[in-house]
């Protein structure tokens, strides 16, 4: 079988292109979901603020002490079901969740349970709320898919300004990496087209002879 020179040399180009994309700088953007552009009182729609709310979080915007919004007018609450956990999930998985603000009736506690791929990866301590909003930090820098809010008395607290971080590739760097990868592949293609042709001439059972051999009168 005739061996094609450099038959696998394209692999290093693919690897180099992959490294170029892997080295693209990533910008971390903080997202704060305030609910303040929602009107009325109903369930927060899935996808709002980059989060799926599962139909269990309700927003409203009129004054009501001690359920104080962090950024007026709107905040959200859970159904009145006693102790238990209600969740929300991120539209884009593997997100860094930073925390949220809470207010509510005295004696009411809340805590976060954070999940990734269905596994509980972190829980916070209980926060006891009051009329003045307090930020409950997640205390976890890893990636999560789902956030659970556990309370000893659901519907006796409100949540506001849910905060998380998304990772976004820098557009200019991503474009440069893409152009670089295309340039490498193009260089490889052009190089193959410019390679001198090789004629195979059989001398009995001998090896192929190149055109230079033919020019020297070798038959």
C-alpha atoms as a PDB file:
ATOM      1  CA  UNK A   1       0.000   0.000   0.000  1.00  0.00           C
ATOM      2  CA  UNK A   2       1.340   3.446  -0.898  1.00  0.00           C
ATOM      3  CA  UNK A   3       1.746   5.577   2.228  1.00  0.00           C
ATOM      4  CA  UNK A   4       0.474   9.127   1.871  1.00  0.00           C
ATOM      5  CA  UNK A   5       3.026  11.569   3.317  1.00  0.00           C
ATOM      6  CA  UNK A   6       1.616  13.555   6.241  1.00  0.00           C
ATOM      7  CA  UNK A   7      -1.593  11.553   6.200  1.00  0.00           C
ATOM      8  CA  UNK A   8      -2.313  12.402   9.838  1.00  0.00           C
ATOM      9  CA  UNK A   9      -0.643  15.778  10.070  1.00  0.00           C
ATOM     10  CA  UNK A  10      -4.041  17.488   9.893  1.00  0.00           C
ATOM     11  CA  UNK A  11      -4.713  16.260  13.427  1.00  0.00           C
ATOM     12  CA  UNK A  12      -2.332  18.783  14.958  1.00  0.00           C
ATOM     13  CA  UNK A  13      -4.198  21.565  13.130  1.00  0.00           C
ATOM     14  CA  UNK A  14      -7.491  20.451  14.650  1.00  0.00           C
ATOM     15  CA  UNK A  15      -5.866  20.244  18.073  1.00  0.00           C
ATOM     16  CA  UNK A  16      -4.334  23.696  17.684  1.00  0.00           C
ATOM     17  CA  UNK A  17      -7.666  25.133  16.613  1.00  0.00           C
ATOM     18  CA  UNK A  18      -9.333  23.538  19.654  1.00  0.00           C
ATOM     19  CA  UNK A  19      -6.721  25.062  21.940  1.00  0.00           C
ATOM     20  CA  UNK A  20      -7.344  28.455  20.358  1.00  0.00           C
ATOM     21  CA  UNK A  21     -11.038  28.236  21.245  1.00  0.00           C
ATOM     22  CA  UNK A  22     -10.269  26.937  24.732  1.00  0.00           C
ATOM     23  CA  UNK A  23      -8.030  29.961  25.330  1.00  0.00           C
ATOM     24  CA  UNK A  24     -10.774  32.484  24.463  1.00  0.00           C
ATOM     25  CA  UNK A  25     -11.195  34.878  27.419  1.00  0.00           C
ATOM     26  CA  UNK A  26     -14.544  34.574  29.219  1.00  0.00           C
ATOM     27  CA  UNK A  27     -16.420  37.516  30.719  1.00  0.00           C
ATOM     28  CA  UNK A  28     -18.498  36.959  33.851  1.00  0.00           C
ATOM     29  CA  UNK A  29     -21.747  38.946  33.749  1.00  0.00           C
ATOM     30  CA  UNK A  30     -23.798  39.438  36.900  1.00  0.00           C
ATOM     31  CA  UNK A  31     -27.570  39.157  36.470  1.00  0.00           C
ATOM     32  CA  UNK A  32     -29.974  40.613  39.050  1.00  0.00           C
ATOM     33  CA  UNK A  33     -33.612  39.546  38.646  1.00  0.00           C
ATOM     34  CA  UNK A  34     -35.739  42.312  40.202  1.00  0.00           C
ATOM     35  CA  UNK A  35     -39.254  41.376  38.945  1.00  0.00           C
ATOM     36  CA  UNK A  36     -39.993  45.107  38.733  1.00  0.00           C
ATOM     37  CA  UNK A  37     -41.122  45.063  35.093  1.00  0.00           C
ATOM     38  CA  UNK A  38     -43.887  42.568  35.872  1.00  0.00           C
ATOM     39  CA  UNK A  39     -47.413  43.912  36.338  1.00  0.00           C
ATOM     40  CA  UNK A  40     -50.189  42.578  38.572  1.00  0.00           C
ATOM     41  CA  UNK A  41     -50.096  39.399  40.643  1.00  0.00           C
ATOM     42  CA  UNK A  42     -49.563  35.992  39.065  1.00  0.00           C
ATOM     43  CA  UNK A  43     -46.970  33.250  38.632  1.00  0.00           C
ATOM     44  CA  UNK A  44     -43.579  34.303  37.288  1.00  0.00           C
ATOM     45  CA  UNK A  45     -43.341  32.906  33.739  1.00  0.00           C
ATOM     46  CA  UNK A  46     -40.697  30.320  32.928  1.00  0.00           C
ATOM     47  CA  UNK A  47     -37.687  31.871  31.225  1.00  0.00           C
ATOM     48  CA  UNK A  48     -38.106  35.220  32.973  1.00  0.00           C
ATOM     49  CA  UNK A  49     -34.688  36.530  33.979  1.00  0.00           C
ATOM     50  CA  UNK A  50     -33.017  33.409  32.565  1.00  0.00           C
ATOM     51  CA  UNK A  51     -34.754  31.222  35.157  1.00  0.00           C
ATOM     52  CA  UNK A  52     -37.530  28.614  35.036  1.00  0.00           C
ATOM     53  CA  UNK A  53     -39.821  29.250  38.000  1.00  0.00           C
ATOM     54  CA  UNK A  54     -41.975  26.129  37.804  1.00  0.00           C
ATOM     55  CA  UNK A  55     -45.266  27.927  38.369  1.00  0.00           C
ATOM     56  CA  UNK A  56     -44.734  28.100  42.159  1.00  0.00           C
ATOM     57  CA  UNK A  57     -43.344  31.630  42.572  1.00  0.00           C
ATOM     58  CA  UNK A  58     -45.892  34.472  42.519  1.00  0.00           C
ATOM     59  CA  UNK A  59     -45.022  38.160  42.127  1.00  0.00           C
ATOM     60  CA  UNK A  60     -46.899  41.240  43.353  1.00  0.00           C
ATOM     61  CA  UNK A  61     -46.120  44.923  43.737  1.00  0.00           C
ATOM     62  CA  UNK A  62     -48.215  46.739  46.360  1.00  0.00           C
ATOM     63  CA  UNK A  63     -46.896  47.795  49.786  1.00  0.00           C
ATOM     64  CA  UNK A  64     -47.334  45.218  52.553  1.00  0.00           C
ATOM     65  CA  UNK A  65     -45.367  45.136  55.805  1.00  0.00           C
ATOM     66  CA  UNK A  66     -43.302  43.186  56.800  1.00  0.00           C
ATOM     67  CA  UNK A  67     -42.957  41.822  53.243  1.00  0.00           C
ATOM     68  CA  UNK A  68     -40.653  44.584  52.066  1.00  0.00           C
ATOM     69  CA  UNK A  69     -39.226  44.538  48.522  1.00  0.00           C
ATOM     70  CA  UNK A  70     -35.509  45.231  48.134  1.00  0.00           C
ATOM     71  CA  UNK A  71     -36.104  47.162  44.924  1.00  0.00           C
ATOM     72  CA  UNK A  72     -39.743  48.319  44.804  1.00  0.00           C
ATOM     73  CA  UNK A  73     -42.297  47.522  43.761  1.00  0.00           C
ATOM     74  CA  UNK A  74     -42.233  43.778  43.024  1.00  0.00           C
ATOM     75  CA  UNK A  75     -41.076  40.676  44.925  1.00  0.00           C
ATOM     76  CA  UNK A  76     -42.081  36.990  44.916  1.00  0.00           C
ATOM     77  CA  UNK A  77     -43.537  34.519  47.411  1.00  0.00           C
ATOM     78  CA  UNK A  78     -44.319  30.792  47.641  1.00  0.00           C
ATOM     79  CA  UNK A  79     -47.585  28.911  48.309  1.00  0.00           C
ATOM     80  CA  UNK A  80     -48.812  28.616  51.887  1.00  0.00           C
ATOM     81  CA  UNK A  81     -47.860  25.006  52.551  1.00  0.00           C
ATOM     82  CA  UNK A  82     -46.014  25.150  55.865  1.00  0.00           C
ATOM     83  CA  UNK A  83     -42.446  23.889  56.038  1.00  0.00           C
ATOM     84  CA  UNK A  84     -40.804  22.728  52.822  1.00  0.00           C
ATOM     85  CA  UNK A  85     -38.720  23.596  49.793  1.00  0.00           C
ATOM     86  CA  UNK A  86     -39.613  25.368  46.567  1.00  0.00           C
ATOM     87  CA  UNK A  87     -37.159  25.459  43.675  1.00  0.00           C
ATOM     88  CA  UNK A  88     -36.222  27.374  40.557  1.00  0.00           C
ATOM     89  CA  UNK A  89     -33.815  26.283  37.816  1.00  0.00           C
ATOM     90  CA  UNK A  90     -31.544  28.122  35.419  1.00  0.00           C
ATOM     91  CA  UNK A  91     -32.292  28.123  31.699  1.00  0.00           C
ATOM     92  CA  UNK A  92     -28.546  27.789  31.069  1.00  0.00           C
ATOM     93  CA  UNK A  93     -27.172  24.958  33.248  1.00  0.00           C
ATOM     94  CA  UNK A  94     -23.982  25.189  35.307  1.00  0.00           C
ATOM     95  CA  UNK A  95     -24.534  28.728  36.545  1.00  0.00           C
ATOM     96  CA  UNK A  96     -22.887  30.392  39.541  1.00  0.00           C
ATOM     97  CA  UNK A  97     -25.649  31.430  41.945  1.00  0.00           C
ATOM     98  CA  UNK A  98     -24.740  34.259  44.325  1.00  0.00           C
ATOM     99  CA  UNK A  99     -27.863  34.744  46.448  1.00  0.00           C
ATOM    100  CA  UNK A 100     -31.073  36.738  46.956  1.00  0.00           C
ATOM    101  CA  UNK A 101     -32.729  39.191  49.347  1.00  0.00           C
ATOM    102  CA  UNK A 102     -35.420  38.147  51.839  1.00  0.00           C
ATOM    103  CA  UNK A 103     -37.889  39.843  54.156  1.00  0.00           C
ATOM    104  CA  UNK A 104     -40.900  38.577  56.085  1.00  0.00           C
ATOM    105  CA  UNK A 105     -42.579  37.827  59.383  1.00  0.00           C
ATOM    106  CA  UNK A 106     -40.466  37.319  62.495  1.00  0.00           C
ATOM    107  CA  UNK A 107     -39.738  33.701  63.308  1.00  0.00           C
ATOM    108  CA  UNK A 108     -39.616  32.737  59.612  1.00  0.00           C
ATOM    109  CA  UNK A 109     -36.379  31.172  58.382  1.00  0.00           C
ATOM    110  CA  UNK A 110     -35.054  30.458  54.887  1.00  0.00           C
ATOM    111  CA  UNK A 111     -32.015  28.655  53.510  1.00  0.00           C
ATOM    112  CA  UNK A 112     -30.646  27.666  50.122  1.00  0.00           C
ATOM    113  CA  UNK A 113     -30.084  24.112  48.925  1.00  0.00           C
ATOM    114  CA  UNK A 114     -28.019  24.086  45.727  1.00  0.00           C
ATOM    115  CA  UNK A 115     -28.097  21.231  43.204  1.00  0.00           C
ATOM    116  CA  UNK A 116     -25.997  20.281  40.196  1.00  0.00           C
ATOM    117  CA  UNK A 117     -27.078  17.421  37.938  1.00  0.00           C
ATOM    118  CA  UNK A 118     -29.607  16.342  40.554  1.00  0.00           C
ATOM    119  CA  UNK A 119     -27.032  16.152  43.365  1.00  0.00           C
ATOM    120  CA  UNK A 120     -27.125  18.404  46.446  1.00  0.00           C
ATOM    121  CA  UNK A 121     -23.769  20.211  46.394  1.00  0.00           C
ATOM    122  CA  UNK A 122     -24.204  22.907  49.061  1.00  0.00           C
ATOM    123  CA  UNK A 123     -26.595  24.234  51.725  1.00  0.00           C
ATOM    124  CA  UNK A 124     -26.511  27.524  53.586  1.00  0.00           C
ATOM    125  CA  UNK A 125     -27.288  28.172  57.216  1.00  0.00           C
ATOM    126  CA  UNK A 126     -30.804  29.291  58.138  1.00  0.00           C
ATOM    127  CA  UNK A 127     -31.526  33.003  57.848  1.00  0.00           C
ATOM    128  CA  UNK A 128     -34.258  34.428  60.097  1.00  0.00           C
ATOM    129  CA  UNK A 129     -36.012  37.246  58.295  1.00  0.00           C
ATOM    130  CA  UNK A 130     -37.679  40.489  59.382  1.00  0.00           C
ATOM    131  CA  UNK A 131     -39.223  43.586  57.837  1.00  0.00           C
ATOM    132  CA  UNK A 132     -35.824  44.905  56.690  1.00  0.00           C
ATOM    133  CA  UNK A 133     -34.572  42.987  53.617  1.00  0.00           C
ATOM    134  CA  UNK A 134     -31.423  40.909  54.200  1.00  0.00           C
ATOM    135  CA  UNK A 135     -29.180  39.325  51.559  1.00  0.00           C
ATOM    136  CA  UNK A 136     -28.637  35.578  51.896  1.00  0.00           C
ATOM    137  CA  UNK A 137     -25.408  34.698  50.090  1.00  0.00           C
ATOM    138  CA  UNK A 138     -25.097  31.235  48.597  1.00  0.00           C
ATOM    139  CA  UNK A 139     -21.499  30.888  49.791  1.00  0.00           C
ATOM    140  CA  UNK A 140     -20.798  28.548  46.869  1.00  0.00           C
ATOM    141  CA  UNK A 141     -18.695  29.414  43.819  1.00  0.00           C
ATOM    142  CA  UNK A 142     -19.277  26.195  41.873  1.00  0.00           C
ATOM    143  CA  UNK A 143     -21.745  25.544  39.079  1.00  0.00           C
ATOM    144  CA  UNK A 144     -25.377  24.745  39.892  1.00  0.00           C
ATOM    145  CA  UNK A 145     -28.515  23.963  37.892  1.00  0.00           C
ATOM    146  CA  UNK A 146     -31.247  24.236  40.535  1.00  0.00           C
ATOM    147  CA  UNK A 147     -31.738  26.388  43.630  1.00  0.00           C
ATOM    148  CA  UNK A 148     -34.044  25.238  46.401  1.00  0.00           C
ATOM    149  CA  UNK A 149     -35.394  27.684  48.985  1.00  0.00           C
ATOM    150  CA  UNK A 150     -36.369  25.872  52.172  1.00  0.00           C
ATOM    151  CA  UNK A 151     -38.485  27.664  54.758  1.00  0.00           C
ATOM    152  CA  UNK A 152     -40.024  26.645  58.051  1.00  0.00           C
ATOM    153  CA  UNK A 153     -43.150  28.669  57.096  1.00  0.00           C
ATOM    154  CA  UNK A 154     -43.757  29.142  53.364  1.00  0.00           C
ATOM    155  CA  UNK A 155     -45.762  32.212  52.281  1.00  0.00           C
ATOM    156  CA  UNK A 156     -44.446  34.122  55.307  1.00  0.00           C
ATOM    157  CA  UNK A 157     -41.456  35.532  53.442  1.00  0.00           C
ATOM    158  CA  UNK A 158     -40.752  37.308  50.160  1.00  0.00           C
ATOM    159  CA  UNK A 159     -37.696  37.038  47.903  1.00  0.00           C
ATOM    160  CA  UNK A 160     -36.252  39.757  45.670  1.00  0.00           C
ATOM    161  CA  UNK A 161     -33.223  40.595  43.514  1.00  0.00           C
ATOM    162  CA  UNK A 162     -32.147  37.049  42.732  1.00  0.00           C
ATOM    163  CA  UNK A 163     -28.485  37.288  41.717  1.00  0.00           C
ATOM    164  CA  UNK A 164     -26.346  34.970  39.603  1.00  0.00           C
ATOM    165  CA  UNK A 165     -23.384  35.059  37.217  1.00  0.00           C
ATOM    166  CA  UNK A 166     -23.228  33.897  33.608  1.00  0.00           C
ATOM    167  CA  UNK A 167     -20.039  33.209  31.634  1.00  0.00           C
ATOM    168  CA  UNK A 168     -19.946  34.843  28.176  1.00  0.00           C
ATOM    169  CA  UNK A 169     -17.032  34.498  25.667  1.00  0.00           C
ATOM    170  CA  UNK A 170     -15.539  37.846  24.672  1.00  0.00           C
ATOM    171  CA  UNK A 171     -16.875  38.463  21.114  1.00  0.00           C
ATOM    172  CA  UNK A 172     -13.631  39.894  19.678  1.00  0.00           C
ATOM    173  CA  UNK A 173     -11.517  37.079  21.104  1.00  0.00           C
ATOM    174  CA  UNK A 174     -13.921  34.407  19.904  1.00  0.00           C
ATOM    175  CA  UNK A 175     -13.858  35.891  16.391  1.00  0.00           C
ATOM    176  CA  UNK A 176     -10.066  36.026  16.392  1.00  0.00           C
ATOM    177  CA  UNK A 177      -9.868  32.389  17.480  1.00  0.00           C
ATOM    178  CA  UNK A 178     -12.305  31.354  14.751  1.00  0.00           C
ATOM    179  CA  UNK A 179     -10.363  33.243  12.074  1.00  0.00           C
ATOM    180  CA  UNK A 180      -7.111  31.753  13.320  1.00  0.00           C
ATOM    181  CA  UNK A 181      -8.506  28.236  13.137  1.00  0.00           C
ATOM    182  CA  UNK A 182      -9.816  28.817   9.611  1.00  0.00           C
ATOM    183  CA  UNK A 183      -6.442  30.255   8.619  1.00  0.00           C
ATOM    184  CA  UNK A 184      -4.634  27.150   9.850  1.00  0.00           C
ATOM    185  CA  UNK A 185      -6.959  24.832   7.986  1.00  0.00           C
ATOM    186  CA  UNK A 186      -6.718  26.985   4.864  1.00  0.00           C
ATOM    187  CA  UNK A 187      -2.920  26.911   5.022  1.00  0.00           C
ATOM    188  CA  UNK A 188      -3.011  23.144   5.166  1.00  0.00           C
ATOM    189  CA  UNK A 189      -5.360  22.952   2.159  1.00  0.00           C
ATOM    190  CA  UNK A 190      -3.283  25.340   0.027  1.00  0.00           C
ATOM    191  CA  UNK A 191      -0.111  23.483   0.929  1.00  0.00           C
ATOM    192  CA  UNK A 192      -1.585  20.237  -0.323  1.00  0.00           C
ATOM    193  CA  UNK A 193      -2.609  21.823  -3.645  1.00  0.00           C
ATOM    194  CA  UNK A 194       0.884  23.233  -4.258  1.00  0.00           C
ATOM    195  CA  UNK A 195       2.666  19.918  -3.628  1.00  0.00           C
ATOM    196  CA  UNK A 196       4.431  18.659  -6.828  1.00  0.00           C
ATOM    197  CA  UNK A 197       2.739  15.849  -8.645  1.00  0.00           C
ATOM    198  CA  UNK A 198       4.274  12.402  -8.336  1.00  0.00           C
ATOM    199  CA  UNK A 199       4.173   9.871 -11.188  1.00  0.00           C
ATOM    200  CA  UNK A 200       4.428   6.223 -10.342  1.00  0.00           C
ATOM    201  CA  UNK A 201       6.447   4.120 -12.799  1.00  0.00           C
ATOM    202  CA  UNK A 202       6.767   0.454 -12.140  1.00  0.00           C
ATOM    203  CA  UNK A 203      10.210  -1.149 -12.738  1.00  0.00           C
ATOM    204  CA  UNK A 204       9.223  -4.741 -12.344  1.00  0.00           C
ATOM    205  CA  UNK A 205       8.559  -5.051  -8.637  1.00  0.00           C
ATOM    206  CA  UNK A 206      10.605  -1.968  -7.731  1.00  0.00           C
ATOM    207  CA  UNK A 207       9.392   1.142  -5.866  1.00  0.00           C
ATOM    208  CA  UNK A 208       7.646   4.108  -7.557  1.00  0.00           C
ATOM    209  CA  UNK A 209       9.890   6.613  -9.333  1.00  0.00           C
ATOM    210  CA  UNK A 210       9.324  10.353  -9.253  1.00  0.00           C
ATOM    211  CA  UNK A 211       9.325  12.801 -12.138  1.00  0.00           C
ATOM    212  CA  UNK A 212      12.881  13.829 -11.275  1.00  0.00           C
ATOM    213  CA  UNK A 213      13.990  10.264 -11.914  1.00  0.00           C
ATOM    214  CA  UNK A 214      12.318  10.370 -15.307  1.00  0.00           C
ATOM    215  CA  UNK A 215      14.112  13.638 -16.182  1.00  0.00           C
ATOM    216  CA  UNK A 216      17.441  11.957 -15.451  1.00  0.00           C
ATOM    217  CA  UNK A 217      16.587   9.210 -17.949  1.00  0.00           C
ATOM    218  CA  UNK A 218      15.806   6.545 -15.364  1.00  0.00           C
ATOM    219  CA  UNK A 219      13.267   4.085 -16.753  1.00  0.00           C
END
